[in-house]
């Protein structure tokens, strides 16, 4: 079952030029809040797996990667993009 966040990201990416059909899977973990006087139980995105029809185009892959990095504030090496079969 897809999370709301996965569905929203699929909707955003499928509207981007050259992406085509897209599937998103998010890896999540508990966010460790070591700052402040309280602990947070927020969930953070620790990795993103994306299968897209347009992933054979390096420009499309870069656009997807930049969008995901901006949305989730994660490093590029935590984003895996592959060609949808």
PDB file of N, CA and C in Angstrom:
ATOM      1  N   UNK A   1       0.828  -1.182   0.000  1.00  0.00           N
ATOM      2  CA  UNK A   1       0.000   0.000   0.000  1.00  0.00           C
ATOM      3  C   UNK A   1       0.880   1.256   0.000  1.00  0.00           C
ATOM      4  N   UNK A   2       0.542   2.188  -0.845  1.00  0.00           N
ATOM      5  CA  UNK A   2       1.323   3.411  -1.003  1.00  0.00           C
ATOM      6  C   UNK A   2       1.001   4.434   0.081  1.00  0.00           C
ATOM      7  N   UNK A   3       2.027   5.110   0.559  1.00  0.00           N
ATOM      8  CA  UNK A   3       1.794   6.206   1.496  1.00  0.00           C
ATOM      9  C   UNK A   3       1.337   7.434   0.730  1.00  0.00           C
ATOM     10  N   UNK A   4       0.759   8.403   1.445  1.00  0.00           N
ATOM     11  CA  UNK A   4       0.333   9.650   0.825  1.00  0.00           C
ATOM     12  C   UNK A   4       1.517  10.367   0.193  1.00  0.00           C
ATOM     13  N   UNK A   5       2.659  10.298   0.881  1.00  0.00           N
ATOM     14  CA  UNK A   5       3.863  10.968   0.392  1.00  0.00           C
ATOM     15  C   UNK A   5       4.345  10.337  -0.920  1.00  0.00           C
ATOM     16  N   UNK A   6       4.301   9.003  -0.993  1.00  0.00           N
ATOM     17  CA  UNK A   6       4.700   8.314  -2.231  1.00  0.00           C
ATOM     18  C   UNK A   6       3.760   8.683  -3.375  1.00  0.00           C
ATOM     19  N   UNK A   7       2.464   8.687  -3.109  1.00  0.00           N
ATOM     20  CA  UNK A   7       1.475   9.021  -4.137  1.00  0.00           C
ATOM     21  C   UNK A   7       1.662  10.463  -4.614  1.00  0.00           C
ATOM     22  N   UNK A   8       1.930  11.374  -3.676  1.00  0.00           N
ATOM     23  CA  UNK A   8       2.130  12.781  -4.033  1.00  0.00           C
ATOM     24  C   UNK A   8       3.379  12.949  -4.895  1.00  0.00           C
ATOM     25  N   UNK A   9       4.463  12.261  -4.523  1.00  0.00           N
ATOM     26  CA  UNK A   9       5.702  12.355  -5.294  1.00  0.00           C
ATOM     27  C   UNK A   9       5.513  11.761  -6.688  1.00  0.00           C
ATOM     28  N   UNK A  10       4.802  10.646  -6.802  1.00  0.00           N
ATOM     29  CA  UNK A  10       4.515  10.061  -8.114  1.00  0.00           C
ATOM     30  C   UNK A  10       3.740  11.046  -8.979  1.00  0.00           C
ATOM     31  N   UNK A  11       2.782  11.723  -8.382  1.00  0.00           N
ATOM     32  CA  UNK A  11       1.976  12.694  -9.115  1.00  0.00           C
ATOM     33  C   UNK A  11       2.831  13.854  -9.614  1.00  0.00           C
ATOM     34  N   UNK A  12       3.702  14.362  -8.752  1.00  0.00           N
ATOM     35  CA  UNK A  12       4.589  15.470  -9.125  1.00  0.00           C
ATOM     36  C   UNK A  12       5.535  15.049 -10.243  1.00  0.00           C
ATOM     37  N   UNK A  13       6.190  13.893 -10.072  1.00  0.00           N
ATOM     38  CA  UNK A  13       7.192  13.453 -11.045  1.00  0.00           C
ATOM     39  C   UNK A  13       6.573  13.073 -12.387  1.00  0.00           C
ATOM     40  N   UNK A  14       5.396  12.444 -12.374  1.00  0.00           N
ATOM     41  CA  UNK A  14       4.786  12.018 -13.637  1.00  0.00           C
ATOM     42  C   UNK A  14       4.395  13.214 -14.496  1.00  0.00           C
ATOM     43  N   UNK A  15       4.240  14.384 -13.869  1.00  0.00           N
ATOM     44  CA  UNK A  15       3.923  15.590 -14.624  1.00  0.00           C
ATOM     45  C   UNK A  15       5.151  16.283 -15.195  1.00  0.00           C
ATOM     46  N   UNK A  16       6.331  15.845 -14.784  1.00  0.00           N
ATOM     47  CA  UNK A  16       7.572  16.461 -15.267  1.00  0.00           C
ATOM     48  C   UNK A  16       7.902  15.958 -16.669  1.00  0.00           C
ATOM     49  N   UNK A  17       8.467  16.825 -17.462  1.00  0.00           N
ATOM     50  CA  UNK A  17       8.782  16.489 -18.852  1.00  0.00           C
ATOM     51  C   UNK A  17       9.747  15.313 -18.947  1.00  0.00           C
ATOM     52  N   UNK A  18       9.392  14.317 -19.761  1.00  0.00           N
ATOM     53  CA  UNK A  18      10.272  13.195 -20.041  1.00  0.00           C
ATOM     54  C   UNK A  18      10.220  12.051 -19.052  1.00  0.00           C
ATOM     55  N   UNK A  19       9.530  12.218 -17.927  1.00  0.00           N
ATOM     56  CA  UNK A  19       9.529  11.172 -16.895  1.00  0.00           C
ATOM     57  C   UNK A  19       8.628  10.009 -17.282  1.00  0.00           C
ATOM     58  N   UNK A  20       7.417  10.282 -17.740  1.00  0.00           N
ATOM     59  CA  UNK A  20       6.470   9.229 -18.085  1.00  0.00           C
ATOM     60  C   UNK A  20       5.923   8.562 -16.843  1.00  0.00           C
ATOM     61  N   UNK A  21       5.551   7.294 -16.983  1.00  0.00           N
ATOM     62  CA  UNK A  21       5.017   6.545 -15.841  1.00  0.00           C
ATOM     63  C   UNK A  21       6.102   6.395 -14.782  1.00  0.00           C
ATOM     64  N   UNK A  22       5.719   6.488 -13.520  1.00  0.00           N
ATOM     65  CA  UNK A  22       6.702   6.462 -12.438  1.00  0.00           C
ATOM     66  C   UNK A  22       6.139   5.724 -11.220  1.00  0.00           C
ATOM     67  N   UNK A  23       7.007   5.019 -10.521  1.00  0.00           N
ATOM     68  CA  UNK A  23       6.669   4.354  -9.259  1.00  0.00           C
ATOM     69  C   UNK A  23       7.690   4.793  -8.222  1.00  0.00           C
ATOM     70  N   UNK A  24       7.222   5.098  -7.021  1.00  0.00           N
ATOM     71  CA  UNK A  24       8.091   5.588  -5.956  1.00  0.00           C
ATOM     72  C   UNK A  24       7.958   4.701  -4.727  1.00  0.00           C
ATOM     73  N   UNK A  25       9.095   4.384  -4.113  1.00  0.00           N
ATOM     74  CA  UNK A  25       9.090   3.677  -2.837  1.00  0.00           C
ATOM     75  C   UNK A  25      10.019   4.429  -1.890  1.00  0.00           C
ATOM     76  N   UNK A  26       9.498   4.815  -0.741  1.00  0.00           N
ATOM     77  CA  UNK A  26      10.286   5.547   0.246  1.00  0.00           C
ATOM     78  C   UNK A  26      10.751   4.613   1.354  1.00  0.00           C
ATOM     79  N   UNK A  27      12.003   4.764   1.762  1.00  0.00           N
ATOM     80  CA  UNK A  27      12.515   4.071   2.935  1.00  0.00           C
ATOM     81  C   UNK A  27      12.499   5.104   4.057  1.00  0.00           C
ATOM     82  N   UNK A  28      11.958   4.727   5.198  1.00  0.00           N
ATOM     83  CA  UNK A  28      11.833   5.689   6.288  1.00  0.00           C
ATOM     84  C   UNK A  28      12.397   5.111   7.579  1.00  0.00           C
ATOM     85  N   UNK A  29      12.691   6.011   8.488  1.00  0.00           N
ATOM     86  CA  UNK A  29      13.182   5.634   9.800  1.00  0.00           C
ATOM     87  C   UNK A  29      12.768   6.684  10.804  1.00  0.00           C
ATOM     88  N   UNK A  30      12.975   6.389  12.053  1.00  0.00           N
ATOM     89  CA  UNK A  30      12.661   7.361  13.106  1.00  0.00           C
ATOM     90  C   UNK A  30      13.683   8.473  13.100  1.00  0.00           C
ATOM     91  N   UNK A  31      13.209   9.678  13.198  1.00  0.00           N
ATOM     92  CA  UNK A  31      14.099  10.836  13.234  1.00  0.00           C
ATOM     93  C   UNK A  31      14.632  10.999  14.656  1.00  0.00           C
ATOM     94  N   UNK A  32      15.942  11.020  14.767  1.00  0.00           N
ATOM     95  CA  UNK A  32      16.575  11.195  16.069  1.00  0.00           C
ATOM     96  C   UNK A  32      16.771  12.679  16.317  1.00  0.00           C
ATOM     97  N   UNK A  33      16.066  13.192  17.281  1.00  0.00           N
ATOM     98  CA  UNK A  33      16.198  14.613  17.604  1.00  0.00           C
ATOM     99  C   UNK A  33      17.040  14.735  18.863  1.00  0.00           C
ATOM    100  N   UNK A  34      18.281  15.131  18.694  1.00  0.00           N
ATOM    101  CA  UNK A  34      19.187  15.234  19.838  1.00  0.00           C
ATOM    102  C   UNK A  34      19.297  16.668  20.324  1.00  0.00           C
ATOM    103  N   UNK A  35      18.636  17.576  19.631  1.00  0.00           N
ATOM    104  CA  UNK A  35      18.690  18.975  20.041  1.00  0.00           C
ATOM    105  C   UNK A  35      17.412  19.328  20.793  1.00  0.00           C
ATOM    106  N   UNK A  36      17.515  20.243  21.707  1.00  0.00           N
ATOM    107  CA  UNK A  36      16.340  20.704  22.432  1.00  0.00           C
ATOM    108  C   UNK A  36      16.081  19.868  23.676  1.00  0.00           C
ATOM    109  N   UNK A  37      14.966  20.143  24.309  1.00  0.00           N
ATOM    110  CA  UNK A  37      14.640  19.512  25.590  1.00  0.00           C
ATOM    111  C   UNK A  37      13.702  18.325  25.449  1.00  0.00           C
ATOM    112  N   UNK A  38      13.290  18.040  24.269  1.00  0.00           N
ATOM    113  CA  UNK A  38      12.351  16.934  24.071  1.00  0.00           C
ATOM    114  C   UNK A  38      12.799  16.089  22.897  1.00  0.00           C
ATOM    115  N   UNK A  39      12.292  14.872  22.840  1.00  0.00           N
ATOM    116  CA  UNK A  39      12.627  14.019  21.697  1.00  0.00           C
ATOM    117  C   UNK A  39      11.449  14.005  20.733  1.00  0.00           C
ATOM    118  N   UNK A  40      11.758  13.856  19.473  1.00  0.00           N
ATOM    119  CA  UNK A  40      10.734  13.873  18.436  1.00  0.00           C
ATOM    120  C   UNK A  40      10.541  12.456  17.896  1.00  0.00           C
ATOM    121  N   UNK A  41       9.304  12.105  17.637  1.00  0.00           N
ATOM    122  CA  UNK A  41       9.007  10.798  17.050  1.00  0.00           C
ATOM    123  C   UNK A  41       8.684  10.918  15.572  1.00  0.00           C
ATOM    124  N   UNK A  42       9.166  11.972  14.950  1.00  0.00           N
ATOM    125  CA  UNK A  42       8.899  12.176  13.529  1.00  0.00           C
ATOM    126  C   UNK A  42       9.575  11.085  12.706  1.00  0.00           C
ATOM    127  N   UNK A  43       8.973  10.809  11.561  1.00  0.00           N
ATOM    128  CA  UNK A  43       9.554   9.871  10.617  1.00  0.00           C
ATOM    129  C   UNK A  43      10.329  10.663   9.582  1.00  0.00           C
ATOM    130  N   UNK A  44      11.527  10.187   9.255  1.00  0.00           N
ATOM    131  CA  UNK A  44      12.290  10.868   8.210  1.00  0.00           C
ATOM    132  C   UNK A  44      12.516   9.909   7.044  1.00  0.00           C
ATOM    133  N   UNK A  45      12.640  10.474   5.861  1.00  0.00           N
ATOM    134  CA  UNK A  45      12.923   9.692   4.663  1.00  0.00           C
ATOM    135  C   UNK A  45      14.426   9.430   4.632  1.00  0.00           C
ATOM    136  N   UNK A  46      14.800   8.148   4.617  1.00  0.00           N
ATOM    137  CA  UNK A  46      16.214   7.787   4.625  1.00  0.00           C
ATOM    138  C   UNK A  46      16.701   7.323   3.258  1.00  0.00           C
ATOM    139  N   UNK A  47      15.771   7.075   2.339  1.00  0.00           N
ATOM    140  CA  UNK A  47      16.142   6.662   0.991  1.00  0.00           C
ATOM    141  C   UNK A  47      14.929   6.675   0.080  1.00  0.00           C
ATOM    142  N   UNK A  48      15.177   6.815  -1.210  1.00  0.00           N
ATOM    143  CA  UNK A  48      14.098   6.860  -2.187  1.00  0.00           C
ATOM    144  C   UNK A  48      14.469   5.964  -3.365  1.00  0.00           C
ATOM    145  N   UNK A  49      13.538   5.089  -3.755  1.00  0.00           N
ATOM    146  CA  UNK A  49      13.709   4.234  -4.924  1.00  0.00           C
ATOM    147  C   UNK A  49      12.650   4.645  -5.939  1.00  0.00           C
ATOM    148  N   UNK A  50      13.099   4.978  -7.149  1.00  0.00           N
ATOM    149  CA  UNK A  50      12.184   5.451  -8.187  1.00  0.00           C
ATOM    150  C   UNK A  50      12.403   4.643  -9.459  1.00  0.00           C
ATOM    151  N   UNK A  51      11.298   4.138 -10.007  1.00  0.00           N
ATOM    152  CA  UNK A  51      11.331   3.499 -11.328  1.00  0.00           C
ATOM    153  C   UNK A  51      10.536   4.408 -12.261  1.00  0.00           C
ATOM    154  N   UNK A  52      11.165   4.855 -13.347  1.00  0.00           N
ATOM    155  CA  UNK A  52      10.504   5.769 -14.273  1.00  0.00           C
ATOM    156  C   UNK A  52      10.753   5.341 -15.714  1.00  0.00           C
ATOM    157  N   UNK A  53       9.758   5.549 -16.565  1.00  0.00           N
ATOM    158  CA  UNK A  53       9.906   5.206 -17.985  1.00  0.00           C
ATOM    159  C   UNK A  53      11.034   5.996 -18.629  1.00  0.00           C
ATOM    160  N   UNK A  54      11.188   7.258 -18.236  1.00  0.00           N
ATOM    161  CA  UNK A  54      12.175   8.123 -18.877  1.00  0.00           C
ATOM    162  C   UNK A  54      13.557   8.069 -18.250  1.00  0.00           C
ATOM    163  N   UNK A  55      13.805   7.068 -17.408  1.00  0.00           N
ATOM    164  CA  UNK A  55      15.078   7.014 -16.675  1.00  0.00           C
ATOM    165  C   UNK A  55      16.275   6.623 -17.537  1.00  0.00           C
ATOM    166  N   UNK A  56      16.062   6.403 -18.825  1.00  0.00           N
ATOM    167  CA  UNK A  56      17.205   6.136 -19.706  1.00  0.00           C
ATOM    168  C   UNK A  56      17.796   7.449 -20.235  1.00  0.00           C
ATOM    169  N   UNK A  57      17.181   8.575 -19.896  1.00  0.00           N
ATOM    170  CA  UNK A  57      17.669   9.891 -20.308  1.00  0.00           C
ATOM    171  C   UNK A  57      18.371  10.546 -19.121  1.00  0.00           C
ATOM    172  N   UNK A  58      19.678  10.828 -19.244  1.00  0.00           N
ATOM    173  CA  UNK A  58      20.434  11.397 -18.115  1.00  0.00           C
ATOM    174  C   UNK A  58      19.882  12.728 -17.605  1.00  0.00           C
ATOM    175  N   UNK A  59      19.320  13.544 -18.486  1.00  0.00           N
ATOM    176  CA  UNK A  59      18.749  14.827 -18.064  1.00  0.00           C
ATOM    177  C   UNK A  59      17.507  14.592 -17.202  1.00  0.00           C
ATOM    178  N   UNK A  60      16.673  13.641 -17.620  1.00  0.00           N
ATOM    179  CA  UNK A  60      15.479  13.298 -16.844  1.00  0.00           C
ATOM    180  C   UNK A  60      15.871  12.764 -15.474  1.00  0.00           C
ATOM    181  N   UNK A  61      16.864  11.889 -15.430  1.00  0.00           N
ATOM    182  CA  UNK A  61      17.341  11.333 -14.163  1.00  0.00           C
ATOM    183  C   UNK A  61      17.823  12.452 -13.239  1.00  0.00           C
ATOM    184  N   UNK A  62      18.573  13.399 -13.791  1.00  0.00           N
ATOM    185  CA  UNK A  62      19.083  14.518 -12.989  1.00  0.00           C
ATOM    186  C   UNK A  62      17.921  15.373 -12.463  1.00  0.00           C
ATOM    187  N   UNK A  63      16.913  15.612 -13.289  1.00  0.00           N
ATOM    188  CA  UNK A  63      15.752  16.392 -12.865  1.00  0.00           C
ATOM    189  C   UNK A  63      14.996  15.695 -11.738  1.00  0.00           C
ATOM    190  N   UNK A  64      14.813  14.382 -11.856  1.00  0.00           N
ATOM    191  CA  UNK A  64      14.146  13.610 -10.806  1.00  0.00           C
ATOM    192  C   UNK A  64      14.950  13.702  -9.513  1.00  0.00           C
ATOM    193  N   UNK A  65      16.247  13.485  -9.633  1.00  0.00           N
ATOM    194  CA  UNK A  65      17.126  13.505  -8.461  1.00  0.00           C
ATOM    195  C   UNK A  65      17.077  14.865  -7.753  1.00  0.00           C
ATOM    196  N   UNK A  66      17.144  15.944  -8.512  1.00  0.00           N
ATOM    197  CA  UNK A  66      17.111  17.286  -7.921  1.00  0.00           C
ATOM    198  C   UNK A  66      15.785  17.558  -7.223  1.00  0.00           C
ATOM    199  N   UNK A  67      14.690  17.112  -7.823  1.00  0.00           N
ATOM    200  CA  UNK A  67      13.367  17.315  -7.219  1.00  0.00           C
ATOM    201  C   UNK A  67      13.258  16.568  -5.895  1.00  0.00           C
ATOM    202  N   UNK A  68      13.723  15.325  -5.878  1.00  0.00           N
ATOM    203  CA  UNK A  68      13.658  14.506  -4.656  1.00  0.00           C
ATOM    204  C   UNK A  68      14.569  15.079  -3.573  1.00  0.00           C
ATOM    205  N   UNK A  69      15.766  15.524  -3.959  1.00  0.00           N
ATOM    206  CA  UNK A  69      16.692  16.128  -2.987  1.00  0.00           C
ATOM    207  C   UNK A  69      16.072  17.379  -2.361  1.00  0.00           C
ATOM    208  N   UNK A  70      15.404  18.182  -3.165  1.00  0.00           N
ATOM    209  CA  UNK A  70      14.779  19.404  -2.662  1.00  0.00           C
ATOM    210  C   UNK A  70      13.604  19.090  -1.732  1.00  0.00           C
ATOM    211  N   UNK A  71      12.826  18.084  -2.095  1.00  0.00           N
ATOM    212  CA  UNK A  71      11.649  17.734  -1.294  1.00  0.00           C
ATOM    213  C   UNK A  71      12.012  17.141   0.064  1.00  0.00           C
ATOM    214  N   UNK A  72      12.983  16.246   0.084  1.00  0.00           N
ATOM    215  CA  UNK A  72      13.262  15.484   1.302  1.00  0.00           C
ATOM    216  C   UNK A  72      14.558  15.873   2.002  1.00  0.00           C
ATOM    217  N   UNK A  73      15.300  16.813   1.419  1.00  0.00           N
ATOM    218  CA  UNK A  73      16.563  17.247   2.030  1.00  0.00           C
ATOM    219  C   UNK A  73      17.489  16.059   2.312  1.00  0.00           C
ATOM    220  N   UNK A  74      17.628  15.174   1.321  1.00  0.00           N
ATOM    221  CA  UNK A  74      18.535  14.031   1.461  1.00  0.00           C
ATOM    222  C   UNK A  74      19.607  14.089   0.380  1.00  0.00           C
ATOM    223  N   UNK A  75      20.692  13.388   0.631  1.00  0.00           N
ATOM    224  CA  UNK A  75      21.827  13.393  -0.295  1.00  0.00           C
ATOM    225  C   UNK A  75      21.527  12.534  -1.520  1.00  0.00           C
ATOM    226  N   UNK A  76      22.208  12.860  -2.604  1.00  0.00           N
ATOM    227  CA  UNK A  76      21.998  12.175  -3.881  1.00  0.00           C
ATOM    228  C   UNK A  76      22.239  10.668  -3.784  1.00  0.00           C
ATOM    229  N   UNK A  77      23.226  10.235  -2.971  1.00  0.00           N
ATOM    230  CA  UNK A  77      23.540   8.802  -2.915  1.00  0.00           C
ATOM    231  C   UNK A  77      22.430   7.982  -2.244  1.00  0.00           C
ATOM    232  N   UNK A  78      21.446   8.635  -1.648  1.00  0.00           N
ATOM    233  CA  UNK A  78      20.323   7.934  -1.028  1.00  0.00           C
ATOM    234  C   UNK A  78      19.137   7.811  -1.975  1.00  0.00           C
ATOM    235  N   UNK A  79      19.330   8.255  -3.227  1.00  0.00           N
ATOM    236  CA  UNK A  79      18.264   8.215  -4.223  1.00  0.00           C
ATOM    237  C   UNK A  79      18.680   7.251  -5.336  1.00  0.00           C
ATOM    238  N   UNK A  80      17.863   6.233  -5.562  1.00  0.00           N
ATOM    239  CA  UNK A  80      18.131   5.260  -6.617  1.00  0.00           C
ATOM    240  C   UNK A  80      17.056   5.406  -7.685  1.00  0.00           C
ATOM    241  N   UNK A  81      17.484   5.673  -8.918  1.00  0.00           N
ATOM    242  CA  UNK A  81      16.555   5.842 -10.036  1.00  0.00           C
ATOM    243  C   UNK A  81      16.880   4.812 -11.091  1.00  0.00           C
ATOM    244  N   UNK A  82      15.851   4.066 -11.506  1.00  0.00           N
ATOM    245  CA  UNK A  82      16.085   3.051 -12.530  1.00  0.00           C
ATOM    246  C   UNK A  82      15.004   3.097 -13.600  1.00  0.00           C
ATOM    247  N   UNK A  83      15.320   2.527 -14.738  1.00  0.00           N
ATOM    248  CA  UNK A  83      14.416   2.489 -15.892  1.00  0.00           C
ATOM    249  C   UNK A  83      13.293   1.499 -15.621  1.00  0.00           C
ATOM    250  N   UNK A  84      12.060   1.960 -15.806  1.00  0.00           N
ATOM    251  CA  UNK A  84      10.910   1.083 -15.655  1.00  0.00           C
ATOM    252  C   UNK A  84      10.805   0.179 -16.886  1.00  0.00           C
ATOM    253  N   UNK A  85      10.588  -1.093 -16.650  1.00  0.00           N
ATOM    254  CA  UNK A  85      10.479  -2.048 -17.763  1.00  0.00           C
ATOM    255  C   UNK A  85       9.080  -2.103 -18.301  1.00  0.00           C
TER     256      UNK A  85
END
